[in-house]
């Protein structure tokens, strides 16, 4: 199966504290043929630092809450600290801490681990990005597709500052599918996969739009 990956799939693969990380890893390591575009890579380059900083901030917030508000020096089980996890990273922290540690555990050990995790986010996502680049074919679109561009705009699919963004990336996928390939567009974006999927598929020659988790 040939799959065109949206930027959010790459983010999910590269950043472990992401709710889509595990399905993204499974998907990228599958036998599917993977394609991205220059616009996808440009979008990754423009958002990666913001994503990194936001995830570090949220992990740090959770760490400080545990440090200040959890009065027990020994944590009996994961449920005892779950409420201190920031919603932005809660699923990830719950899962990884529950797997990594045998409870009961000293609170200080969890605090040390969360600090280490924050430091790792400054380097590991970019190592993972180098890995994913080896598995993805990068497509560069030559045609502008003005009619399709206008129709996507009419249904509310936007460009990012008139350059890149969902509209341009969908047109990249459309261009791939015009090159005699049946293409599945893979995303974590609920708007593209759900609310506007039917309209998009009526405009473009993409075979289907599927949510990342549907591959697992």
N, C-alpha and C. Protein backbone atom coordinates (compact mmCIF):
# COMPACT_ATOMS: atom_id res chain seq x y z
N UNK A 1 0.84 -1.19 0.00
CA UNK A 1 0.00 0.00 0.00
C UNK A 1 0.88 1.25 0.00
N UNK A 2 0.53 2.21 -0.84
CA UNK A 2 1.28 3.46 -0.90
C UNK A 2 0.57 4.52 -0.06
N UNK A 3 1.28 5.10 0.88
CA UNK A 3 0.68 6.04 1.83
C UNK A 3 1.44 7.36 1.82
N UNK A 4 0.68 8.43 1.76
CA UNK A 4 1.23 9.78 1.85
C UNK A 4 1.05 10.24 3.30
N UNK A 5 2.14 10.60 3.96
CA UNK A 5 2.06 10.93 5.38
C UNK A 5 1.94 12.43 5.60
N UNK A 6 1.00 12.81 6.45
CA UNK A 6 0.83 14.20 6.86
C UNK A 6 1.91 14.56 7.88
N UNK A 7 2.12 15.84 8.09
CA UNK A 7 3.15 16.30 9.02
C UNK A 7 2.93 15.77 10.43
N UNK A 8 1.67 15.67 10.84
CA UNK A 8 1.39 15.23 12.21
C UNK A 8 1.81 13.78 12.45
N UNK A 9 1.89 12.98 11.40
CA UNK A 9 2.38 11.60 11.55
C UNK A 9 3.88 11.62 11.86
N UNK A 10 4.60 12.49 11.18
CA UNK A 10 6.04 12.63 11.45
C UNK A 10 6.27 13.13 12.87
N UNK A 11 5.47 14.10 13.29
CA UNK A 11 5.58 14.60 14.67
C UNK A 11 5.32 13.48 15.66
N UNK A 12 4.28 12.69 15.41
CA UNK A 12 3.97 11.58 16.30
C UNK A 12 5.10 10.57 16.38
N UNK A 13 5.74 10.31 15.25
CA UNK A 13 6.86 9.36 15.23
C UNK A 13 8.07 9.90 15.99
N UNK A 14 8.36 11.16 15.81
CA UNK A 14 9.60 11.72 16.36
C UNK A 14 9.51 12.05 17.84
N UNK A 15 8.34 12.46 18.31
CA UNK A 15 8.20 12.90 19.70
C UNK A 15 7.49 11.82 20.52
N UNK A 16 8.24 11.21 21.43
CA UNK A 16 7.65 10.16 22.27
C UNK A 16 6.49 10.68 23.12
N UNK A 17 6.57 11.89 23.71
CA UNK A 17 5.42 12.38 24.49
C UNK A 17 4.31 12.91 23.58
N UNK A 18 3.86 12.09 22.67
CA UNK A 18 2.79 12.47 21.75
C UNK A 18 1.76 11.35 21.76
N UNK A 19 0.50 11.71 21.79
CA UNK A 19 -0.55 10.70 21.91
C UNK A 19 -0.59 9.74 20.72
N UNK A 20 0.06 10.14 19.62
CA UNK A 20 0.08 9.30 18.42
C UNK A 20 1.41 8.57 18.23
N UNK A 21 2.29 8.62 19.23
CA UNK A 21 3.64 8.09 19.03
C UNK A 21 3.65 6.59 18.72
N UNK A 22 2.98 5.80 19.52
CA UNK A 22 3.03 4.35 19.33
C UNK A 22 2.42 3.94 17.99
N UNK A 23 1.21 4.42 17.63
CA UNK A 23 0.70 4.06 16.30
C UNK A 23 1.57 4.59 15.16
N UNK A 24 2.21 5.76 15.37
CA UNK A 24 3.08 6.30 14.32
C UNK A 24 4.30 5.42 14.12
N UNK A 25 4.89 4.94 15.20
CA UNK A 25 6.05 4.05 15.10
C UNK A 25 5.66 2.75 14.40
N UNK A 26 4.54 2.18 14.80
CA UNK A 26 4.09 0.93 14.16
C UNK A 26 3.83 1.14 12.67
N UNK A 27 3.23 2.27 12.34
CA UNK A 27 2.90 2.56 10.94
C UNK A 27 4.16 2.76 10.10
N UNK A 28 5.09 3.57 10.60
CA UNK A 28 6.32 3.85 9.84
C UNK A 28 7.14 2.58 9.65
N UNK A 29 7.10 1.69 10.63
CA UNK A 29 7.88 0.45 10.54
C UNK A 29 7.14 -0.67 9.81
N UNK A 30 5.97 -0.36 9.27
CA UNK A 30 5.22 -1.35 8.51
C UNK A 30 5.80 -1.49 7.11
N UNK A 31 5.18 -2.33 6.30
CA UNK A 31 5.69 -2.57 4.95
C UNK A 31 5.08 -1.64 3.91
N UNK A 32 4.33 -0.64 4.37
CA UNK A 32 3.74 0.31 3.43
C UNK A 32 4.81 1.17 2.77
N UNK A 33 4.57 1.54 1.53
CA UNK A 33 5.45 2.49 0.85
C UNK A 33 5.04 3.89 1.30
N UNK A 34 5.99 4.65 1.83
CA UNK A 34 5.68 5.95 2.43
C UNK A 34 6.19 7.10 1.58
N UNK A 35 5.33 8.10 1.42
CA UNK A 35 5.67 9.30 0.66
C UNK A 35 5.32 10.52 1.51
N UNK A 36 6.17 11.52 1.47
CA UNK A 36 5.84 12.84 2.01
C UNK A 36 6.20 13.84 0.91
N UNK A 37 6.04 15.10 1.20
CA UNK A 37 6.34 16.11 0.18
C UNK A 37 7.24 17.19 0.75
N UNK A 38 7.73 18.02 -0.13
CA UNK A 38 8.55 19.15 0.29
C UNK A 38 7.76 20.03 1.26
N UNK A 39 6.45 20.20 1.00
CA UNK A 39 5.63 21.01 1.91
C UNK A 39 5.50 20.38 3.29
N UNK A 40 5.43 19.06 3.35
CA UNK A 40 5.39 18.37 4.65
C UNK A 40 6.68 18.63 5.42
N UNK A 41 7.81 18.49 4.74
CA UNK A 41 9.10 18.70 5.39
C UNK A 41 9.26 20.16 5.82
N UNK A 42 8.81 21.08 4.97
CA UNK A 42 8.88 22.50 5.34
C UNK A 42 8.03 22.79 6.57
N UNK A 43 6.85 22.17 6.63
CA UNK A 43 5.99 22.38 7.79
C UNK A 43 6.63 21.80 9.05
N UNK A 44 7.21 20.60 8.93
CA UNK A 44 7.94 20.01 10.07
C UNK A 44 9.02 20.97 10.55
N UNK A 45 9.80 21.52 9.62
CA UNK A 45 10.88 22.43 10.00
C UNK A 45 10.35 23.67 10.72
N UNK A 46 9.15 24.11 10.36
CA UNK A 46 8.61 25.33 10.95
C UNK A 46 7.97 25.11 12.32
N UNK A 47 7.55 23.87 12.61
CA UNK A 47 6.83 23.63 13.87
C UNK A 47 7.63 22.82 14.89
N UNK A 48 8.71 22.17 14.48
CA UNK A 48 9.37 21.20 15.35
C UNK A 48 9.86 21.83 16.66
N UNK A 49 10.40 23.04 16.59
CA UNK A 49 10.92 23.67 17.81
C UNK A 49 9.78 24.03 18.76
N UNK A 50 8.67 24.51 18.21
CA UNK A 50 7.52 24.84 19.05
C UNK A 50 6.96 23.59 19.72
N UNK A 51 6.89 22.50 18.96
CA UNK A 51 6.40 21.23 19.53
C UNK A 51 7.32 20.78 20.65
N UNK A 52 8.62 20.83 20.40
CA UNK A 52 9.59 20.42 21.42
C UNK A 52 9.42 21.24 22.69
N UNK A 53 9.36 22.55 22.55
CA UNK A 53 9.28 23.43 23.72
C UNK A 53 7.97 23.22 24.48
N UNK A 54 6.89 23.02 23.74
CA UNK A 54 5.60 22.83 24.40
C UNK A 54 5.59 21.54 25.20
N UNK A 55 6.14 20.47 24.64
CA UNK A 55 6.14 19.19 25.34
C UNK A 55 7.08 19.24 26.55
N UNK A 56 8.22 19.89 26.42
CA UNK A 56 9.12 20.05 27.56
C UNK A 56 8.43 20.83 28.67
N UNK A 57 7.75 21.91 28.30
CA UNK A 57 7.05 22.73 29.29
C UNK A 57 6.00 21.93 30.04
N UNK A 58 5.25 21.11 29.30
CA UNK A 58 4.16 20.37 29.93
C UNK A 58 4.69 19.26 30.83
N UNK A 59 5.78 18.62 30.43
CA UNK A 59 6.39 17.61 31.30
C UNK A 59 6.93 18.28 32.56
N UNK A 60 7.54 19.45 32.39
CA UNK A 60 8.07 20.19 33.54
C UNK A 60 6.96 20.62 34.49
N UNK A 61 5.82 21.02 33.92
CA UNK A 61 4.67 21.38 34.75
C UNK A 61 4.21 20.19 35.59
N UNK A 62 4.14 19.03 34.95
CA UNK A 62 3.73 17.83 35.67
C UNK A 62 4.73 17.49 36.77
N UNK A 63 6.00 17.64 36.45
CA UNK A 63 7.05 17.35 37.44
C UNK A 63 6.93 18.26 38.65
N UNK A 64 6.69 19.54 38.41
CA UNK A 64 6.58 20.49 39.51
C UNK A 64 5.34 20.22 40.36
N UNK A 65 4.26 19.82 39.72
CA UNK A 65 3.05 19.50 40.48
C UNK A 65 3.28 18.31 41.40
N UNK A 66 3.95 17.29 40.87
CA UNK A 66 4.24 16.12 41.70
C UNK A 66 5.16 16.51 42.85
N UNK A 67 6.17 17.32 42.53
CA UNK A 67 7.15 17.72 43.55
C UNK A 67 6.49 18.52 44.68
N UNK A 68 5.60 19.44 44.32
CA UNK A 68 5.03 20.35 45.31
C UNK A 68 3.77 19.83 45.98
N UNK A 69 2.94 19.11 45.22
CA UNK A 69 1.61 18.79 45.72
C UNK A 69 1.45 17.36 46.21
N UNK A 70 2.31 16.47 45.72
CA UNK A 70 2.22 15.09 46.19
C UNK A 70 2.99 14.97 47.50
N UNK A 71 2.28 14.80 48.60
CA UNK A 71 2.90 14.86 49.92
C UNK A 71 3.61 13.56 50.29
N UNK A 72 3.22 12.49 49.68
CA UNK A 72 3.84 11.20 50.00
C UNK A 72 5.20 11.08 49.32
N UNK A 73 6.19 10.61 50.06
CA UNK A 73 7.53 10.41 49.49
C UNK A 73 7.66 9.06 48.81
N UNK A 74 6.66 8.21 48.99
CA UNK A 74 6.65 6.92 48.31
C UNK A 74 5.33 6.78 47.56
N UNK A 75 5.43 6.50 46.26
CA UNK A 75 4.25 6.39 45.41
C UNK A 75 3.85 4.92 45.33
N UNK A 76 2.64 4.61 45.77
CA UNK A 76 2.20 3.22 45.82
C UNK A 76 1.82 2.68 44.45
N UNK A 77 1.19 3.52 43.62
CA UNK A 77 0.79 3.10 42.28
C UNK A 77 0.63 4.32 41.39
N UNK A 78 0.50 4.09 40.11
CA UNK A 78 0.44 5.18 39.13
C UNK A 78 -0.77 6.07 39.35
N UNK A 79 -1.86 5.50 39.85
CA UNK A 79 -3.08 6.29 40.06
C UNK A 79 -2.86 7.41 41.07
N UNK A 80 -1.90 7.23 41.95
CA UNK A 80 -1.64 8.21 42.99
C UNK A 80 -1.11 9.54 42.42
N UNK A 81 -0.48 9.48 41.25
CA UNK A 81 0.08 10.71 40.67
C UNK A 81 -0.54 11.09 39.33
N UNK A 82 -1.49 10.30 38.85
CA UNK A 82 -2.06 10.56 37.53
C UNK A 82 -2.66 11.96 37.42
N UNK A 83 -3.30 12.43 38.47
CA UNK A 83 -3.96 13.74 38.42
C UNK A 83 -2.97 14.89 38.27
N UNK A 84 -1.69 14.63 38.52
CA UNK A 84 -0.69 15.68 38.39
C UNK A 84 -0.15 15.80 36.96
N UNK A 85 -0.49 14.86 36.10
CA UNK A 85 0.00 14.90 34.73
C UNK A 85 -0.76 15.94 33.94
N UNK A 86 -0.04 16.79 33.23
CA UNK A 86 -0.68 17.76 32.36
C UNK A 86 -1.42 17.03 31.24
N UNK A 87 -2.61 17.50 30.91
CA UNK A 87 -3.44 16.82 29.90
C UNK A 87 -2.73 16.63 28.57
N UNK A 88 -1.85 17.57 28.23
CA UNK A 88 -1.17 17.53 26.93
C UNK A 88 -0.26 16.32 26.79
N UNK A 89 0.23 15.79 27.90
CA UNK A 89 1.14 14.64 27.85
C UNK A 89 0.69 13.52 28.79
N UNK A 90 -0.55 13.59 29.27
CA UNK A 90 -0.98 12.68 30.33
C UNK A 90 -0.97 11.22 29.90
N UNK A 91 -1.49 10.92 28.70
CA UNK A 91 -1.53 9.52 28.25
C UNK A 91 -0.13 8.95 28.15
N UNK A 92 0.77 9.74 27.59
CA UNK A 92 2.15 9.29 27.42
C UNK A 92 2.81 9.04 28.78
N UNK A 93 2.71 10.00 29.69
CA UNK A 93 3.36 9.86 30.98
C UNK A 93 2.79 8.69 31.77
N UNK A 94 1.48 8.56 31.73
CA UNK A 94 0.84 7.45 32.44
C UNK A 94 1.38 6.11 31.94
N UNK A 95 1.43 5.97 30.63
CA UNK A 95 1.84 4.69 30.05
C UNK A 95 3.31 4.39 30.29
N UNK A 96 4.17 5.38 30.03
CA UNK A 96 5.61 5.11 30.10
C UNK A 96 6.08 4.92 31.55
N UNK A 97 5.52 5.69 32.48
CA UNK A 97 5.92 5.54 33.88
C UNK A 97 5.41 4.21 34.43
N UNK A 98 4.20 3.86 34.04
CA UNK A 98 3.63 2.60 34.52
C UNK A 98 4.44 1.40 34.01
N UNK A 99 4.98 1.52 32.79
CA UNK A 99 5.78 0.43 32.23
C UNK A 99 7.20 0.42 32.78
N UNK A 100 7.75 1.59 33.03
CA UNK A 100 9.16 1.70 33.38
C UNK A 100 9.44 1.32 34.84
N UNK A 101 8.50 1.63 35.73
CA UNK A 101 8.77 1.47 37.15
C UNK A 101 7.92 0.37 37.78
N UNK A 102 8.50 -0.27 38.76
CA UNK A 102 7.76 -1.22 39.60
C UNK A 102 7.36 -0.50 40.88
N UNK A 103 6.08 -0.39 41.09
CA UNK A 103 5.58 0.30 42.28
C UNK A 103 5.51 -0.67 43.45
N UNK A 104 5.66 -0.13 44.69
CA UNK A 104 5.84 1.28 45.08
C UNK A 104 7.23 1.79 44.72
N UNK A 105 7.33 3.11 44.58
CA UNK A 105 8.57 3.74 44.17
C UNK A 105 8.72 5.08 44.88
N UNK A 106 9.94 5.50 45.11
CA UNK A 106 10.16 6.81 45.73
C UNK A 106 9.78 7.92 44.75
N UNK A 107 9.16 8.93 45.29
CA UNK A 107 8.76 10.07 44.46
C UNK A 107 9.97 10.68 43.74
N UNK A 108 11.11 10.72 44.40
CA UNK A 108 12.31 11.33 43.82
C UNK A 108 12.74 10.62 42.54
N UNK A 109 12.54 9.31 42.46
CA UNK A 109 12.93 8.59 41.25
C UNK A 109 12.09 9.03 40.05
N UNK A 110 10.82 9.25 40.28
CA UNK A 110 9.96 9.73 39.19
C UNK A 110 10.35 11.14 38.78
N UNK A 111 10.66 11.98 39.76
CA UNK A 111 11.07 13.35 39.45
C UNK A 111 12.36 13.37 38.63
N UNK A 112 13.30 12.51 38.99
CA UNK A 112 14.55 12.43 38.22
C UNK A 112 14.27 11.98 36.79
N UNK A 113 13.40 11.00 36.66
CA UNK A 113 13.10 10.49 35.32
C UNK A 113 12.44 11.56 34.46
N UNK A 114 11.52 12.32 35.01
CA UNK A 114 10.85 13.37 34.24
C UNK A 114 11.84 14.45 33.81
N UNK A 115 12.81 14.74 34.65
CA UNK A 115 13.84 15.71 34.27
C UNK A 115 14.68 15.16 33.10
N UNK A 116 15.05 13.90 33.19
CA UNK A 116 15.82 13.26 32.11
C UNK A 116 15.02 13.26 30.81
N UNK A 117 13.74 12.97 30.93
CA UNK A 117 12.87 12.93 29.76
C UNK A 117 12.82 14.29 29.07
N UNK A 118 12.76 15.35 29.83
CA UNK A 118 12.76 16.70 29.26
C UNK A 118 14.05 16.98 28.50
N UNK A 119 15.18 16.57 29.07
CA UNK A 119 16.47 16.78 28.39
C UNK A 119 16.55 15.97 27.09
N UNK A 120 16.00 14.77 27.11
CA UNK A 120 16.06 13.92 25.92
C UNK A 120 15.27 14.52 24.76
N UNK A 121 14.25 15.30 25.07
CA UNK A 121 13.43 15.90 24.01
C UNK A 121 14.20 16.94 23.20
N UNK A 122 15.35 17.34 23.68
CA UNK A 122 16.16 18.30 22.94
C UNK A 122 17.00 17.63 21.86
N UNK A 123 17.05 16.30 21.86
CA UNK A 123 17.91 15.63 20.88
C UNK A 123 17.24 14.43 20.20
N UNK A 124 16.58 13.58 20.96
CA UNK A 124 16.08 12.32 20.41
C UNK A 124 15.08 12.50 19.26
N UNK A 125 14.16 13.48 19.32
CA UNK A 125 13.25 13.63 18.17
C UNK A 125 13.97 13.86 16.85
N UNK A 126 15.12 14.50 16.89
CA UNK A 126 15.84 14.80 15.66
C UNK A 126 16.63 13.59 15.17
N UNK A 127 17.01 12.73 16.09
CA UNK A 127 17.59 11.44 15.71
C UNK A 127 16.53 10.59 15.03
N UNK A 128 15.33 10.60 15.59
CA UNK A 128 14.23 9.84 15.01
C UNK A 128 13.84 10.41 13.65
N UNK A 129 13.95 11.72 13.50
CA UNK A 129 13.64 12.33 12.20
C UNK A 129 14.62 11.84 11.13
N UNK A 130 15.89 11.73 11.49
CA UNK A 130 16.87 11.19 10.54
C UNK A 130 16.49 9.76 10.14
N UNK A 131 15.97 9.00 11.09
CA UNK A 131 15.55 7.62 10.81
C UNK A 131 14.39 7.60 9.82
N UNK A 132 13.40 8.45 10.05
CA UNK A 132 12.21 8.41 9.20
C UNK A 132 12.52 8.91 7.79
N UNK A 133 13.49 9.79 7.66
CA UNK A 133 13.85 10.28 6.33
C UNK A 133 14.35 9.16 5.43
N UNK A 134 14.97 8.16 6.03
CA UNK A 134 15.48 7.03 5.25
C UNK A 134 14.36 6.12 4.76
N UNK A 135 13.16 6.29 5.31
CA UNK A 135 12.05 5.40 4.98
C UNK A 135 11.00 6.05 4.10
N UNK A 136 11.16 7.34 3.84
CA UNK A 136 10.12 8.09 3.12
C UNK A 136 10.68 8.68 1.83
N UNK A 137 9.93 8.51 0.77
CA UNK A 137 10.23 9.16 -0.50
C UNK A 137 9.68 10.59 -0.45
N UNK A 138 10.48 11.57 -0.85
CA UNK A 138 10.05 12.96 -0.82
C UNK A 138 9.62 13.39 -2.22
N UNK A 139 8.39 13.88 -2.30
CA UNK A 139 7.80 14.27 -3.58
C UNK A 139 7.77 15.79 -3.71
N UNK A 140 8.13 16.28 -4.88
CA UNK A 140 8.04 17.72 -5.16
C UNK A 140 7.04 17.94 -6.28
N UNK A 141 6.01 18.69 -5.97
CA UNK A 141 4.94 18.95 -6.95
C UNK A 141 5.34 20.09 -7.88
N UNK A 142 5.05 19.89 -9.17
CA UNK A 142 5.35 20.92 -10.16
C UNK A 142 4.11 21.73 -10.54
N UNK A 143 2.94 21.08 -10.57
CA UNK A 143 1.71 21.74 -11.00
C UNK A 143 1.04 22.48 -9.84
N UNK A 144 0.32 23.55 -10.16
CA UNK A 144 -0.35 24.35 -9.14
C UNK A 144 -1.78 23.88 -8.85
N UNK A 145 -2.43 23.24 -9.83
CA UNK A 145 -3.82 22.79 -9.69
C UNK A 145 -4.73 23.91 -9.20
N UNK A 146 -4.87 24.98 -9.97
CA UNK A 146 -5.66 26.14 -9.51
C UNK A 146 -7.12 25.82 -9.23
N UNK A 147 -7.76 24.97 -10.04
CA UNK A 147 -9.17 24.65 -9.81
C UNK A 147 -9.36 23.90 -8.50
N UNK A 148 -8.52 22.90 -8.29
CA UNK A 148 -8.61 22.13 -7.04
C UNK A 148 -8.25 23.01 -5.84
N UNK A 149 -7.28 23.87 -6.05
CA UNK A 149 -6.86 24.80 -5.00
C UNK A 149 -8.03 25.67 -4.55
N UNK A 150 -8.77 26.19 -5.52
CA UNK A 150 -9.91 27.05 -5.21
C UNK A 150 -11.03 26.27 -4.52
N UNK A 151 -11.29 25.06 -4.99
CA UNK A 151 -12.36 24.26 -4.40
C UNK A 151 -12.03 23.87 -2.95
N UNK A 152 -10.78 23.55 -2.69
CA UNK A 152 -10.38 23.25 -1.31
C UNK A 152 -10.54 24.47 -0.42
N UNK A 153 -10.22 25.63 -0.97
CA UNK A 153 -10.39 26.87 -0.22
C UNK A 153 -11.86 27.10 0.11
N UNK A 154 -12.74 26.79 -0.83
CA UNK A 154 -14.18 27.01 -0.64
C UNK A 154 -14.76 26.15 0.47
N UNK A 155 -14.17 24.97 0.70
CA UNK A 155 -14.69 24.11 1.77
C UNK A 155 -13.92 24.31 3.08
N UNK A 156 -13.05 25.32 3.10
CA UNK A 156 -12.39 25.69 4.35
C UNK A 156 -11.09 24.99 4.64
N UNK A 157 -10.45 24.43 3.60
CA UNK A 157 -9.12 23.83 3.78
C UNK A 157 -8.10 24.93 3.50
N UNK A 158 -7.34 25.29 4.51
CA UNK A 158 -6.53 26.50 4.43
C UNK A 158 -5.06 26.21 4.16
N UNK A 159 -4.41 27.20 3.58
CA UNK A 159 -2.96 27.20 3.47
C UNK A 159 -2.39 27.87 4.72
N UNK A 160 -1.11 27.65 4.95
CA UNK A 160 -0.45 28.30 6.08
C UNK A 160 0.30 29.51 5.57
N UNK A 161 -0.25 30.69 5.87
CA UNK A 161 0.34 31.95 5.38
C UNK A 161 0.53 31.92 3.87
N UNK A 162 -0.50 31.34 3.20
CA UNK A 162 -0.49 31.23 1.74
C UNK A 162 0.66 30.38 1.21
N UNK A 163 1.28 29.61 2.07
CA UNK A 163 2.37 28.74 1.63
C UNK A 163 2.41 27.53 2.56
N UNK A 164 2.22 26.35 1.99
CA UNK A 164 2.21 25.15 2.82
C UNK A 164 0.86 24.98 3.50
N UNK A 165 0.82 24.16 4.54
CA UNK A 165 -0.42 23.91 5.25
C UNK A 165 -1.24 22.81 4.58
N UNK A 166 -2.43 22.57 5.13
CA UNK A 166 -3.25 21.44 4.70
C UNK A 166 -3.57 21.46 3.21
N UNK A 167 -3.91 22.62 2.68
CA UNK A 167 -4.32 22.68 1.28
C UNK A 167 -3.18 22.27 0.35
N UNK A 168 -2.01 22.82 0.59
CA UNK A 168 -0.87 22.51 -0.28
C UNK A 168 -0.44 21.05 -0.13
N UNK A 169 -0.51 20.54 1.09
CA UNK A 169 -0.11 19.15 1.32
C UNK A 169 -1.10 18.18 0.67
N UNK A 170 -2.38 18.49 0.74
CA UNK A 170 -3.37 17.65 0.06
C UNK A 170 -3.17 17.68 -1.45
N UNK A 171 -2.82 18.84 -1.99
CA UNK A 171 -2.55 18.93 -3.42
C UNK A 171 -1.30 18.15 -3.80
N UNK A 172 -0.33 18.10 -2.90
CA UNK A 172 0.86 17.26 -3.14
C UNK A 172 0.45 15.79 -3.26
N UNK A 173 -0.43 15.36 -2.37
CA UNK A 173 -0.91 13.98 -2.41
C UNK A 173 -1.70 13.72 -3.69
N UNK A 174 -2.52 14.68 -4.06
CA UNK A 174 -3.28 14.62 -5.31
C UNK A 174 -2.34 14.46 -6.50
N UNK A 175 -1.27 15.21 -6.50
CA UNK A 175 -0.28 15.14 -7.58
C UNK A 175 0.35 13.76 -7.65
N UNK A 176 0.66 13.19 -6.49
CA UNK A 176 1.21 11.82 -6.46
C UNK A 176 0.23 10.83 -7.07
N UNK A 177 -1.04 10.98 -6.71
CA UNK A 177 -2.04 10.03 -7.20
C UNK A 177 -2.26 10.17 -8.70
N UNK A 178 -1.99 11.35 -9.24
CA UNK A 178 -2.10 11.54 -10.68
C UNK A 178 -0.95 10.88 -11.44
N UNK A 179 0.08 10.53 -10.70
CA UNK A 179 1.22 9.85 -11.32
C UNK A 179 1.02 8.34 -11.27
N UNK A 180 -0.21 7.92 -11.59
CA UNK A 180 -0.60 6.50 -11.76
C UNK A 180 -0.49 5.68 -10.48
N UNK A 181 -0.51 6.32 -9.32
CA UNK A 181 -0.44 5.56 -8.08
C UNK A 181 -1.70 5.77 -7.26
N UNK A 182 -2.23 4.69 -6.68
CA UNK A 182 -3.34 4.81 -5.73
C UNK A 182 -2.75 5.19 -4.38
N UNK A 183 -3.16 6.34 -3.88
CA UNK A 183 -2.54 6.90 -2.69
C UNK A 183 -3.55 6.98 -1.55
N UNK A 184 -3.12 6.55 -0.37
CA UNK A 184 -3.88 6.75 0.87
C UNK A 184 -3.23 7.90 1.63
N UNK A 185 -4.02 8.92 1.95
CA UNK A 185 -3.51 10.04 2.75
C UNK A 185 -3.70 9.69 4.22
N UNK A 186 -2.59 9.69 4.98
CA UNK A 186 -2.62 9.26 6.38
C UNK A 186 -2.38 10.47 7.28
N UNK A 187 -3.28 10.67 8.24
CA UNK A 187 -3.22 11.87 9.08
C UNK A 187 -3.77 11.56 10.47
N UNK A 188 -3.51 12.47 11.39
CA UNK A 188 -4.17 12.42 12.70
C UNK A 188 -5.18 13.56 12.83
N UNK A 189 -5.37 14.31 11.77
CA UNK A 189 -6.25 15.48 11.75
C UNK A 189 -7.70 15.04 11.57
N UNK A 190 -8.51 15.21 12.60
CA UNK A 190 -9.90 14.78 12.55
C UNK A 190 -10.72 15.50 11.50
N UNK A 191 -10.40 16.75 11.23
CA UNK A 191 -11.14 17.50 10.22
C UNK A 191 -10.94 16.90 8.84
N UNK A 192 -9.69 16.57 8.51
CA UNK A 192 -9.40 16.00 7.19
C UNK A 192 -9.92 14.58 7.08
N UNK A 193 -9.82 13.83 8.15
CA UNK A 193 -10.19 12.42 8.11
C UNK A 193 -11.68 12.19 8.32
N UNK A 194 -12.37 13.17 8.88
CA UNK A 194 -13.76 12.94 9.27
C UNK A 194 -14.70 13.97 8.66
N UNK A 195 -14.69 15.17 9.20
CA UNK A 195 -15.74 16.14 8.85
C UNK A 195 -15.69 16.60 7.40
N UNK A 196 -14.49 16.65 6.80
CA UNK A 196 -14.39 17.15 5.43
C UNK A 196 -13.87 16.10 4.45
N UNK A 197 -13.78 14.88 4.92
CA UNK A 197 -13.22 13.82 4.09
C UNK A 197 -13.97 13.63 2.78
N UNK A 198 -15.28 13.52 2.85
CA UNK A 198 -16.08 13.27 1.65
C UNK A 198 -15.90 14.37 0.62
N UNK A 199 -15.93 15.61 1.07
CA UNK A 199 -15.76 16.74 0.15
C UNK A 199 -14.38 16.75 -0.48
N UNK A 200 -13.37 16.45 0.32
CA UNK A 200 -12.00 16.44 -0.21
C UNK A 200 -11.85 15.37 -1.29
N UNK A 201 -12.38 14.19 -1.02
CA UNK A 201 -12.24 13.08 -1.97
C UNK A 201 -13.03 13.33 -3.26
N UNK A 202 -14.05 14.18 -3.20
CA UNK A 202 -14.78 14.54 -4.41
C UNK A 202 -13.97 15.51 -5.28
N UNK A 203 -13.08 16.25 -4.66
CA UNK A 203 -12.28 17.25 -5.37
C UNK A 203 -10.99 16.65 -5.92
N UNK A 204 -10.36 15.79 -5.14
CA UNK A 204 -9.04 15.27 -5.47
C UNK A 204 -9.11 13.81 -5.89
N UNK A 205 -8.03 13.33 -6.49
CA UNK A 205 -7.98 11.93 -6.96
C UNK A 205 -7.35 11.00 -5.93
N UNK A 206 -7.24 11.44 -4.70
CA UNK A 206 -6.73 10.59 -3.62
C UNK A 206 -7.69 9.42 -3.43
N UNK A 207 -7.14 8.23 -3.26
CA UNK A 207 -8.00 7.05 -3.10
C UNK A 207 -8.79 7.09 -1.80
N UNK A 208 -8.12 7.49 -0.71
CA UNK A 208 -8.80 7.51 0.58
C UNK A 208 -8.01 8.38 1.55
N UNK A 209 -8.68 8.83 2.60
CA UNK A 209 -8.03 9.52 3.72
C UNK A 209 -8.30 8.68 4.96
N UNK A 210 -7.23 8.30 5.64
CA UNK A 210 -7.40 7.42 6.80
C UNK A 210 -6.68 7.97 8.02
N UNK A 211 -7.31 7.74 9.16
CA UNK A 211 -6.71 8.13 10.43
C UNK A 211 -5.57 7.17 10.75
N UNK A 212 -4.50 7.70 11.29
CA UNK A 212 -3.30 6.91 11.58
C UNK A 212 -3.62 5.64 12.36
N UNK A 213 -4.45 5.76 13.38
CA UNK A 213 -4.72 4.61 14.25
C UNK A 213 -5.47 3.49 13.54
N UNK A 214 -6.06 3.77 12.40
CA UNK A 214 -6.80 2.73 11.68
C UNK A 214 -5.86 1.67 11.09
N UNK A 215 -4.56 1.94 11.09
CA UNK A 215 -3.60 0.98 10.55
C UNK A 215 -3.16 -0.03 11.60
N UNK A 216 -3.58 0.14 12.85
CA UNK A 216 -3.12 -0.74 13.92
C UNK A 216 -4.24 -1.66 14.40
